[in-house]
Amino acid sequence: MESQTILRANLHRSDHWQHLLGEIVEVWRDGKLYRRAVVDAIMPDASGLWISLEGVFERKYIDAAAGFEVWTTLYPCSGEGGASTCAEA
């Protein structure tokens, strides 16, 4: 249980879903953990993303408009000067 707390402390909420391809993320909804998985596809307009199949959990589309939050170890991205950058935590 302690390791989950430590992991959660290292995560940051991201609204820049277009930078998360291949990242392990936690998906939260209504204050509860929905899934922890790898992002395997992202909509071009960042309106949603697909998280990978894992064990008994099927591949799932996560719609940004449905109230999901995505948490990652990447720091928030900035798009200053037209170039987006993300740094590892």
N, C-alpha and C. Protein backbone atom coordinates (compact mmCIF):
# COMPACT_ATOMS: atom_id res chain seq x y z
N MET A 1 0.82 -1.19 0.00
CA MET A 1 0.00 0.00 0.00
C MET A 1 0.86 1.26 0.00
N GLU A 2 1.98 1.22 0.73
CA GLU A 2 2.87 2.36 0.80
C GLU A 2 3.46 2.70 -0.57
N SER A 3 3.81 1.68 -1.35
CA SER A 3 4.38 1.92 -2.67
C SER A 3 3.39 2.64 -3.58
N GLN A 4 2.09 2.35 -3.45
CA GLN A 4 1.08 3.04 -4.23
C GLN A 4 1.02 4.51 -3.85
N THR A 5 1.16 4.81 -2.57
CA THR A 5 1.16 6.19 -2.10
C THR A 5 2.36 6.94 -2.66
N ILE A 6 3.52 6.31 -2.63
CA ILE A 6 4.73 6.94 -3.17
C ILE A 6 4.57 7.17 -4.66
N LEU A 7 4.07 6.20 -5.38
CA LEU A 7 3.86 6.35 -6.81
C LEU A 7 2.91 7.50 -7.10
N ARG A 8 1.81 7.59 -6.40
CA ARG A 8 0.83 8.65 -6.60
C ARG A 8 1.44 10.02 -6.36
N ALA A 9 2.35 10.11 -5.39
CA ALA A 9 3.00 11.38 -5.07
C ALA A 9 3.88 11.86 -6.23
N ASN A 10 4.34 10.94 -7.08
CA ASN A 10 5.20 11.29 -8.21
C ASN A 10 4.43 11.62 -9.48
N LEU A 11 3.12 11.53 -9.44
CA LEU A 11 2.31 11.76 -10.64
C LEU A 11 1.83 13.20 -10.71
N HIS A 12 1.58 13.63 -11.93
CA HIS A 12 1.06 14.97 -12.21
C HIS A 12 -0.12 14.84 -13.15
N ARG A 13 -1.17 15.60 -12.90
CA ARG A 13 -2.30 15.59 -13.81
C ARG A 13 -1.88 16.26 -15.11
N SER A 14 -2.26 15.66 -16.22
CA SER A 14 -1.91 16.21 -17.53
C SER A 14 -3.16 16.49 -18.35
N ASP A 15 -3.22 17.68 -18.87
CA ASP A 15 -4.28 18.04 -19.82
C ASP A 15 -3.74 17.99 -21.25
N HIS A 16 -2.47 17.63 -21.39
CA HIS A 16 -1.80 17.56 -22.69
C HIS A 16 -1.68 16.11 -23.12
N TRP A 17 -2.81 15.51 -23.42
CA TRP A 17 -2.84 14.08 -23.71
C TRP A 17 -2.06 13.72 -24.96
N GLN A 18 -1.86 14.66 -25.87
CA GLN A 18 -1.17 14.34 -27.13
C GLN A 18 0.29 13.96 -26.91
N HIS A 19 0.84 14.19 -25.72
CA HIS A 19 2.24 13.87 -25.43
C HIS A 19 2.40 12.55 -24.67
N LEU A 20 1.33 11.81 -24.48
CA LEU A 20 1.37 10.65 -23.58
C LEU A 20 1.51 9.29 -24.27
N LEU A 21 1.65 9.28 -25.57
CA LEU A 21 1.77 8.01 -26.30
C LEU A 21 2.93 7.18 -25.73
N GLY A 22 2.63 5.94 -25.34
CA GLY A 22 3.62 5.03 -24.81
C GLY A 22 3.88 5.17 -23.32
N GLU A 23 3.27 6.14 -22.68
CA GLU A 23 3.46 6.38 -21.25
C GLU A 23 2.52 5.53 -20.41
N ILE A 24 2.98 5.14 -19.23
CA ILE A 24 2.10 4.52 -18.25
C ILE A 24 1.37 5.64 -17.53
N VAL A 25 0.05 5.55 -17.50
CA VAL A 25 -0.76 6.59 -16.87
C VAL A 25 -1.75 5.97 -15.89
N GLU A 26 -2.24 6.81 -15.00
CA GLU A 26 -3.39 6.45 -14.18
C GLU A 26 -4.56 7.28 -14.68
N VAL A 27 -5.68 6.63 -14.88
CA VAL A 27 -6.89 7.30 -15.31
C VAL A 27 -7.85 7.34 -14.13
N TRP A 28 -8.29 8.53 -13.78
CA TRP A 28 -9.17 8.74 -12.64
C TRP A 28 -10.49 9.33 -13.12
N ARG A 29 -11.56 8.99 -12.41
CA ARG A 29 -12.87 9.57 -12.69
C ARG A 29 -13.65 9.63 -11.39
N ASP A 30 -14.23 10.78 -11.12
CA ASP A 30 -15.01 11.00 -9.90
C ASP A 30 -14.20 10.68 -8.64
N GLY A 31 -12.91 11.01 -8.66
CA GLY A 31 -12.06 10.80 -7.49
C GLY A 31 -11.64 9.37 -7.24
N LYS A 32 -11.90 8.48 -8.18
CA LYS A 32 -11.54 7.07 -8.02
C LYS A 32 -10.67 6.61 -9.18
N LEU A 33 -9.70 5.74 -8.84
CA LEU A 33 -8.84 5.18 -9.88
C LEU A 33 -9.67 4.28 -10.79
N TYR A 34 -9.63 4.57 -12.08
CA TYR A 34 -10.37 3.80 -13.08
C TYR A 34 -9.49 2.70 -13.67
N ARG A 35 -8.29 3.08 -14.11
CA ARG A 35 -7.33 2.12 -14.68
C ARG A 35 -5.93 2.68 -14.61
N ARG A 36 -4.96 1.78 -14.57
CA ARG A 36 -3.55 2.13 -14.75
C ARG A 36 -3.09 1.33 -15.94
N ALA A 37 -2.60 2.02 -16.97
CA ALA A 37 -2.27 1.32 -18.21
C ALA A 37 -1.35 2.17 -19.08
N VAL A 38 -0.93 1.58 -20.20
CA VAL A 38 -0.09 2.27 -21.18
C VAL A 38 -1.00 2.91 -22.23
N VAL A 39 -0.69 4.16 -22.60
CA VAL A 39 -1.42 4.85 -23.66
C VAL A 39 -0.92 4.29 -24.98
N ASP A 40 -1.82 3.71 -25.78
CA ASP A 40 -1.37 3.13 -27.05
C ASP A 40 -1.86 3.87 -28.29
N ALA A 41 -2.72 4.85 -28.12
CA ALA A 41 -3.15 5.70 -29.24
C ALA A 41 -3.79 6.97 -28.69
N ILE A 42 -3.69 8.03 -29.47
CA ILE A 42 -4.25 9.33 -29.07
C ILE A 42 -4.99 9.92 -30.25
N MET A 43 -6.14 10.51 -29.99
CA MET A 43 -6.87 11.20 -31.05
C MET A 43 -6.05 12.41 -31.50
N PRO A 44 -6.03 12.72 -32.79
CA PRO A 44 -5.22 13.85 -33.29
C PRO A 44 -5.53 15.18 -32.62
N ASP A 45 -6.76 15.37 -32.22
CA ASP A 45 -7.15 16.64 -31.57
C ASP A 45 -7.06 16.55 -30.05
N ALA A 46 -6.51 15.46 -29.52
CA ALA A 46 -6.35 15.22 -28.08
C ALA A 46 -7.67 15.17 -27.33
N SER A 47 -8.75 14.84 -28.03
CA SER A 47 -10.07 14.75 -27.39
C SER A 47 -10.23 13.44 -26.61
N GLY A 48 -9.31 12.53 -26.81
CA GLY A 48 -9.38 11.25 -26.12
C GLY A 48 -8.14 10.44 -26.41
N LEU A 49 -8.02 9.34 -25.69
CA LEU A 49 -6.90 8.43 -25.92
C LEU A 49 -7.35 7.00 -25.67
N TRP A 50 -6.55 6.07 -26.17
CA TRP A 50 -6.79 4.65 -25.96
C TRP A 50 -5.76 4.11 -25.00
N ILE A 51 -6.22 3.36 -24.00
CA ILE A 51 -5.28 2.68 -23.11
C ILE A 51 -5.27 1.21 -23.48
N SER A 52 -4.11 0.61 -23.31
CA SER A 52 -3.86 -0.73 -23.83
C SER A 52 -4.58 -1.84 -23.08
N LEU A 53 -4.71 -2.93 -23.79
CA LEU A 53 -5.19 -4.19 -23.24
C LEU A 53 -4.18 -4.65 -22.20
N GLU A 54 -4.68 -5.10 -21.04
CA GLU A 54 -3.78 -5.61 -20.01
C GLU A 54 -4.52 -6.63 -19.17
N GLY A 55 -4.01 -7.86 -19.18
CA GLY A 55 -4.66 -8.93 -18.41
C GLY A 55 -6.11 -9.11 -18.83
N VAL A 56 -7.01 -9.02 -17.86
CA VAL A 56 -8.44 -9.20 -18.15
C VAL A 56 -9.10 -7.90 -18.60
N PHE A 57 -8.36 -6.79 -18.56
CA PHE A 57 -8.92 -5.50 -18.95
C PHE A 57 -8.75 -5.28 -20.44
N GLU A 58 -9.82 -4.96 -21.12
CA GLU A 58 -9.76 -4.74 -22.56
C GLU A 58 -9.24 -3.35 -22.88
N ARG A 59 -8.83 -3.18 -24.14
CA ARG A 59 -8.43 -1.86 -24.62
C ARG A 59 -9.62 -0.93 -24.46
N LYS A 60 -9.38 0.29 -24.01
CA LYS A 60 -10.48 1.18 -23.66
C LYS A 60 -10.22 2.59 -24.17
N TYR A 61 -11.27 3.21 -24.72
CA TYR A 61 -11.20 4.61 -25.14
C TYR A 61 -11.55 5.50 -23.95
N ILE A 62 -10.71 6.49 -23.71
CA ILE A 62 -10.91 7.45 -22.62
C ILE A 62 -11.24 8.79 -23.26
N ASP A 63 -12.46 9.25 -23.06
CA ASP A 63 -12.95 10.49 -23.67
C ASP A 63 -12.74 11.65 -22.69
N ALA A 64 -12.00 12.66 -23.12
CA ALA A 64 -11.71 13.80 -22.25
C ALA A 64 -12.99 14.50 -21.80
N ALA A 65 -14.00 14.53 -22.64
CA ALA A 65 -15.26 15.22 -22.30
C ALA A 65 -16.10 14.46 -21.28
N ALA A 66 -15.73 13.22 -20.99
CA ALA A 66 -16.51 12.40 -20.06
C ALA A 66 -16.06 12.55 -18.60
N GLY A 67 -15.14 13.48 -18.34
CA GLY A 67 -14.73 13.75 -16.97
C GLY A 67 -13.56 12.94 -16.46
N PHE A 68 -12.86 12.25 -17.35
CA PHE A 68 -11.67 11.49 -16.94
C PHE A 68 -10.50 12.44 -16.70
N GLU A 69 -9.65 12.09 -15.74
CA GLU A 69 -8.39 12.79 -15.51
C GLU A 69 -7.27 11.79 -15.78
N VAL A 70 -6.21 12.26 -16.42
CA VAL A 70 -5.07 11.40 -16.71
C VAL A 70 -3.87 11.94 -15.94
N TRP A 71 -3.25 11.05 -15.16
CA TRP A 71 -2.09 11.38 -14.34
C TRP A 71 -0.88 10.63 -14.86
N THR A 72 0.27 11.30 -14.90
CA THR A 72 1.48 10.73 -15.47
C THR A 72 2.71 11.20 -14.69
N THR A 73 3.85 10.54 -14.92
CA THR A 73 5.10 10.98 -14.31
C THR A 73 5.73 12.12 -15.09
N LEU A 74 5.20 12.43 -16.27
CA LEU A 74 5.70 13.57 -17.04
C LEU A 74 5.24 14.86 -16.39
N TYR A 75 6.12 15.84 -16.38
CA TYR A 75 5.70 17.16 -15.91
C TYR A 75 4.76 17.77 -16.94
N PRO A 76 3.96 18.73 -16.53
CA PRO A 76 3.09 19.41 -17.50
C PRO A 76 3.92 19.96 -18.66
N CYS A 77 3.38 19.91 -19.84
CA CYS A 77 4.07 20.35 -21.04
C CYS A 77 3.82 21.82 -21.28
N SER A 78 4.76 22.47 -21.93
CA SER A 78 4.57 23.86 -22.32
C SER A 78 4.75 23.96 -23.82
N GLY A 79 3.99 24.83 -24.43
CA GLY A 79 4.05 24.99 -25.88
C GLY A 79 4.61 26.33 -26.29
N GLU A 80 5.49 26.90 -25.49
CA GLU A 80 6.04 28.22 -25.78
C GLU A 80 6.85 28.18 -27.07
N GLY A 81 6.68 29.20 -27.88
CA GLY A 81 7.45 29.31 -29.11
C GLY A 81 7.11 28.26 -30.13
N GLY A 82 5.93 27.64 -30.00
CA GLY A 82 5.50 26.65 -30.97
C GLY A 82 6.08 25.28 -30.76
N ALA A 83 6.99 25.13 -29.80
CA ALA A 83 7.60 23.83 -29.55
C ALA A 83 7.14 23.30 -28.20
N SER A 84 6.55 22.14 -28.19
CA SER A 84 6.09 21.52 -26.94
C SER A 84 7.20 20.69 -26.35
N THR A 85 7.37 20.81 -25.03
CA THR A 85 8.39 20.01 -24.37
C THR A 85 7.79 19.37 -23.12
N CYS A 86 8.23 18.19 -22.81
CA CYS A 86 7.84 17.48 -21.61
C CYS A 86 9.11 16.94 -20.97
N ALA A 87 9.22 17.06 -19.68
CA ALA A 87 10.41 16.56 -18.98
C ALA A 87 10.01 15.45 -18.03
N GLU A 88 10.86 14.46 -17.88
CA GLU A 88 10.60 13.38 -16.94
C GLU A 88 10.65 13.94 -15.53
N ALA A 89 9.80 13.38 -14.67
CA ALA A 89 9.80 13.80 -13.27
C ALA A 89 10.98 13.22 -12.55
